[in-house]
C-alpha cells in the first residue's frame, strides 16, 4: 500500500480548446494512452458523503485500487496494486477489498461489504512535463457523455495555481469551476436515473 498527496488544478475545455492545446504542445494522437476508472460506493453514497472516492484504475495492463480522501493540502491517495483477477472479482462484487483499504474504509465509517461497482469512465490521456509539474490532457467518455479537460499536477499549491492560471490566460481559455471526474460521473448517473 502506498500513499501520496495529490495537488492538481483542473479546467474543463471545449473540443476546440482541447485541439488547440494539443497543437500548441505538439501532442500527437499516439501520445494518448487509454485508461478506465471503475467507481465504487454504497447504495447510500457513503463515500461521497465523506468527501472520499474509491476506484480501480486499469491502464497499460495494470490495475490499481485507489481510495481518495479530501484533506487540507489536496487529496490523499492510498494505492493498492491488484492483479487482473482481483480487480475483476471486486467489479463483480465477489471478493473483499484488501486489508489496508478495508481498514481505512472502516475508519471512515463505511462498511466495505456494502460497496458496489457503480460504473466506468474511460479516458484517453496525454501528459507532458510543464514548468515544475505535469500537464495532462484528458478526453473522457462515460454514460453517453464525452468531455475534455486539462489538469496541472504539482507539488506547490501556490506556485502551481499561478502557473496553471497563466497557462489558461495565455491560451485564451476561461477559468471554469471544474468538478473532478467521479463527481461528473455521478452527476450524469443521477441525471440518467432521474429520467427513468
Protein backbone atom coordinates (compact mmCIF):
# COMPACT_ATOMS: atom_id res chain seq x y z
CA UNK A 1 0.00 0.00 0.00
CA UNK A 2 1.36 3.41 -0.99
CA UNK A 3 0.11 6.89 -0.06
CA UNK A 4 0.66 10.29 -1.67
CA UNK A 5 -0.85 13.76 -1.51
CA UNK A 6 -2.07 14.92 -4.91
CA UNK A 7 -2.13 18.66 -5.66
CA UNK A 8 -3.72 19.37 -9.01
CA UNK A 9 -5.59 22.11 -10.79
CA UNK A 10 -8.14 21.33 -13.48
CA UNK A 11 -10.25 23.13 -16.03
CA UNK A 12 -12.90 21.87 -18.43
CA UNK A 13 -12.20 22.53 -22.10
CA UNK A 14 -14.33 22.77 -25.19
CA UNK A 15 -13.36 20.40 -28.01
CA UNK A 16 -11.81 23.36 -29.87
CA UNK A 17 -9.76 24.41 -26.82
CA UNK A 18 -8.60 20.81 -26.36
CA UNK A 19 -7.47 20.63 -30.01
CA UNK A 20 -5.69 24.00 -29.68
CA UNK A 21 -3.80 22.78 -26.61
CA UNK A 22 -2.85 19.56 -28.40
CA UNK A 23 -1.46 21.62 -31.27
CA UNK A 24 0.28 24.21 -29.05
CA UNK A 25 2.14 21.48 -27.14
CA UNK A 26 2.74 19.28 -30.22
CA UNK A 27 0.89 16.32 -28.72
CA UNK A 28 0.17 13.63 -31.32
CA UNK A 29 -2.78 11.24 -31.14
CA UNK A 30 -0.43 8.34 -30.35
CA UNK A 31 0.69 10.14 -27.17
CA UNK A 32 -2.75 9.47 -25.64
CA UNK A 33 -2.98 6.34 -23.52
CA UNK A 34 -6.29 4.63 -22.74
CA UNK A 35 -7.34 4.04 -19.15
CA UNK A 36 -10.52 3.08 -17.32
CA UNK A 37 -11.71 4.23 -13.91
CA UNK A 38 -14.20 1.83 -12.29
CA UNK A 39 -16.02 3.55 -9.42
CA UNK A 40 -17.43 2.13 -6.17
CA UNK A 41 -19.73 3.49 -3.47
CA UNK A 42 -22.51 2.25 -1.21
CA UNK A 43 -26.14 2.50 -2.37
CA UNK A 44 -26.45 5.44 0.06
CA UNK A 45 -23.28 7.10 -1.35
CA UNK A 46 -21.48 6.88 1.99
CA UNK A 47 -18.04 7.56 0.47
CA UNK A 48 -19.29 10.61 -1.42
CA UNK A 49 -20.83 11.94 1.81
CA UNK A 50 -17.40 11.63 3.50
CA UNK A 51 -15.62 13.51 0.67
CA UNK A 52 -13.98 10.26 -0.41
CA UNK A 53 -13.94 8.13 -3.55
CA UNK A 54 -12.88 4.60 -4.41
CA UNK A 55 -11.84 3.41 -7.86
CA UNK A 56 -9.96 0.75 -9.73
CA UNK A 57 -7.83 2.27 -12.50
CA UNK A 58 -6.90 -0.05 -15.35
CA UNK A 59 -4.15 1.14 -17.69
CA UNK A 60 -1.37 -0.50 -19.68
CA UNK A 61 -2.18 -3.94 -18.25
CA UNK A 62 -2.01 -2.76 -14.62
CA UNK A 63 -4.82 -2.47 -12.09
CA UNK A 64 -4.66 -0.15 -9.07
CA UNK A 65 -7.25 0.28 -6.34
CA UNK A 66 -7.22 3.88 -5.04
CA UNK A 67 -9.01 5.44 -2.11
CA UNK A 68 -9.11 9.24 -2.42
CA UNK A 69 -9.77 11.40 0.64
CA UNK A 70 -10.04 15.18 0.66
CA UNK A 71 -7.55 16.78 3.05
CA UNK A 72 -6.45 20.38 3.62
CA UNK A 73 -3.33 20.12 1.41
CA UNK A 74 -5.14 18.45 -1.51
CA UNK A 75 -6.22 14.83 -1.95
CA UNK A 76 -4.71 11.93 -0.02
CA UNK A 77 -4.49 8.93 -2.32
CA UNK A 78 -3.95 5.42 -1.00
CA UNK A 79 -2.98 2.95 -3.72
CA UNK A 80 -3.11 -0.83 -3.66
CA UNK A 81 -1.90 -2.80 -6.72
CA UNK A 82 -4.27 -5.56 -7.88
CA UNK A 83 -3.98 -8.46 -10.26
CA UNK A 84 -6.42 -8.51 -13.18
CA UNK A 85 -8.25 -11.37 -11.45
CA UNK A 86 -8.53 -9.45 -8.15
CA UNK A 87 -9.85 -6.38 -9.98
CA UNK A 88 -12.42 -8.47 -11.87
CA UNK A 89 -13.58 -10.12 -8.62
CA UNK A 90 -14.11 -6.72 -6.99
CA UNK A 91 -16.04 -5.48 -10.04
CA UNK A 92 -18.41 -8.44 -9.80
CA UNK A 93 -18.77 -7.97 -6.02
CA UNK A 94 -17.41 -11.49 -5.49
CA UNK A 95 -14.34 -10.53 -3.44
CA UNK A 96 -13.44 -8.41 -0.44
CA UNK A 97 -11.20 -5.36 -0.55
CA UNK A 98 -7.53 -5.69 0.51
CA UNK A 99 -6.97 -5.36 4.26
CA UNK A 100 -5.24 -1.94 4.21
CA UNK A 101 -8.02 -0.28 2.18
CA UNK A 102 -10.67 -2.18 4.15
CA UNK A 103 -9.27 -0.79 7.43
CA UNK A 104 -9.23 2.76 6.04
CA UNK A 105 -12.82 2.42 4.81
CA UNK A 106 -13.89 1.21 8.27
CA UNK A 107 -12.11 4.19 9.88
CA UNK A 108 -14.30 6.42 7.67
CA UNK A 109 -17.37 4.65 9.00
CA UNK A 110 -18.01 2.86 5.69
CA UNK A 111 -18.82 -0.86 5.76
CA UNK A 112 -16.68 -2.39 2.96
CA UNK A 113 -19.19 -5.18 2.25
CA UNK A 114 -21.82 -2.57 1.31
CA UNK A 115 -19.69 -1.11 -1.51
CA UNK A 116 -20.88 -1.77 -5.06
CA UNK A 117 -19.43 -1.15 -8.52
CA UNK A 118 -21.27 1.87 -9.96
CA UNK A 119 -19.84 2.28 -13.46
CA UNK A 120 -16.87 3.15 -15.63
CA UNK A 121 -15.33 6.33 -17.00
CA UNK A 122 -12.85 5.80 -19.85
CA UNK A 123 -10.17 8.38 -20.61
CA UNK A 124 -7.67 8.97 -23.39
CA UNK A 125 -4.83 10.77 -21.55
CA UNK A 126 -1.64 12.50 -22.63
CA UNK A 127 0.81 14.01 -20.15
CA UNK A 128 3.93 16.09 -20.61
CA UNK A 129 6.32 17.88 -18.23
CA UNK A 130 5.42 21.57 -17.93
CA UNK A 131 7.15 24.19 -15.78
CA UNK A 132 7.73 22.43 -12.44
CA UNK A 133 4.88 19.94 -12.79
CA UNK A 134 2.95 17.74 -15.18
CA UNK A 135 0.42 18.93 -17.77
CA UNK A 136 -2.34 16.44 -18.53
CA UNK A 137 -4.88 16.49 -21.38
CA UNK A 138 -7.90 14.20 -20.94
CA UNK A 139 -10.70 13.19 -23.31
CA UNK A 140 -13.21 11.21 -21.23
CA UNK A 141 -16.23 9.07 -22.18
CA UNK A 142 -18.93 7.94 -19.77
CA UNK A 143 -22.71 7.42 -19.70
CA UNK A 144 -23.28 8.67 -23.29
CA UNK A 145 -21.17 11.75 -22.47
CA UNK A 146 -17.78 12.97 -23.60
CA UNK A 147 -15.79 15.82 -22.14
CA UNK A 148 -12.38 17.46 -22.36
CA UNK A 149 -10.18 18.63 -19.52
CA UNK A 150 -6.72 19.98 -18.75
CA UNK A 151 -5.01 19.23 -15.43
CA UNK A 152 -1.80 20.52 -13.92
CA UNK A 153 -0.19 18.34 -11.24
CA UNK A 154 2.34 19.98 -8.95
CA UNK A 155 3.94 19.78 -5.52
CA UNK A 156 3.47 23.51 -4.83
CA UNK A 157 -0.12 24.68 -4.37
CA UNK A 158 0.55 28.44 -4.59
CA UNK A 159 3.11 28.39 -7.40
CA UNK A 160 1.21 25.70 -9.29
CA UNK A 161 -2.02 27.68 -9.23
CA UNK A 162 -0.23 30.73 -10.67
CA UNK A 163 1.41 28.64 -13.41
CA UNK A 164 -1.89 26.99 -14.33
CA UNK A 165 -3.87 30.22 -14.44
CA UNK A 166 -1.14 31.90 -16.51
CA UNK A 167 -1.27 28.99 -18.99
CA UNK A 168 -5.05 29.31 -19.36
CA UNK A 169 -4.76 33.09 -19.87
CA UNK A 170 -2.01 32.62 -22.47
CA UNK A 171 -4.18 30.07 -24.32
CA UNK A 172 -7.23 32.38 -24.07
CA UNK A 173 -9.18 29.74 -22.14
CA UNK A 174 -11.62 30.96 -19.47
CA UNK A 175 -11.20 29.60 -15.95
CA UNK A 176 -14.19 27.34 -15.28
CA UNK A 177 -15.21 25.77 -11.96
CA UNK A 178 -14.40 22.11 -12.64
CA UNK A 179 -15.57 19.07 -10.71
CA UNK A 180 -13.35 16.00 -10.60
CA UNK A 181 -14.14 13.01 -12.81
CA UNK A 182 -16.04 11.00 -10.22
CA UNK A 183 -18.31 13.97 -9.40
CA UNK A 184 -19.02 14.48 -13.11
CA UNK A 185 -19.69 10.76 -13.49
CA UNK A 186 -22.11 10.71 -10.55
CA UNK A 187 -23.89 13.88 -11.75
CA UNK A 188 -24.59 12.14 -15.08
CA UNK A 189 -25.60 8.94 -13.29
CA UNK A 190 -28.12 10.85 -11.12
CA UNK A 191 -29.42 12.63 -14.21
CA UNK A 192 -29.85 9.35 -16.11
CA UNK A 193 -31.55 7.63 -13.16
CA UNK A 194 -33.86 10.62 -12.67
CA UNK A 195 -35.09 10.21 -16.23
CA UNK A 196 -36.12 6.58 -15.69
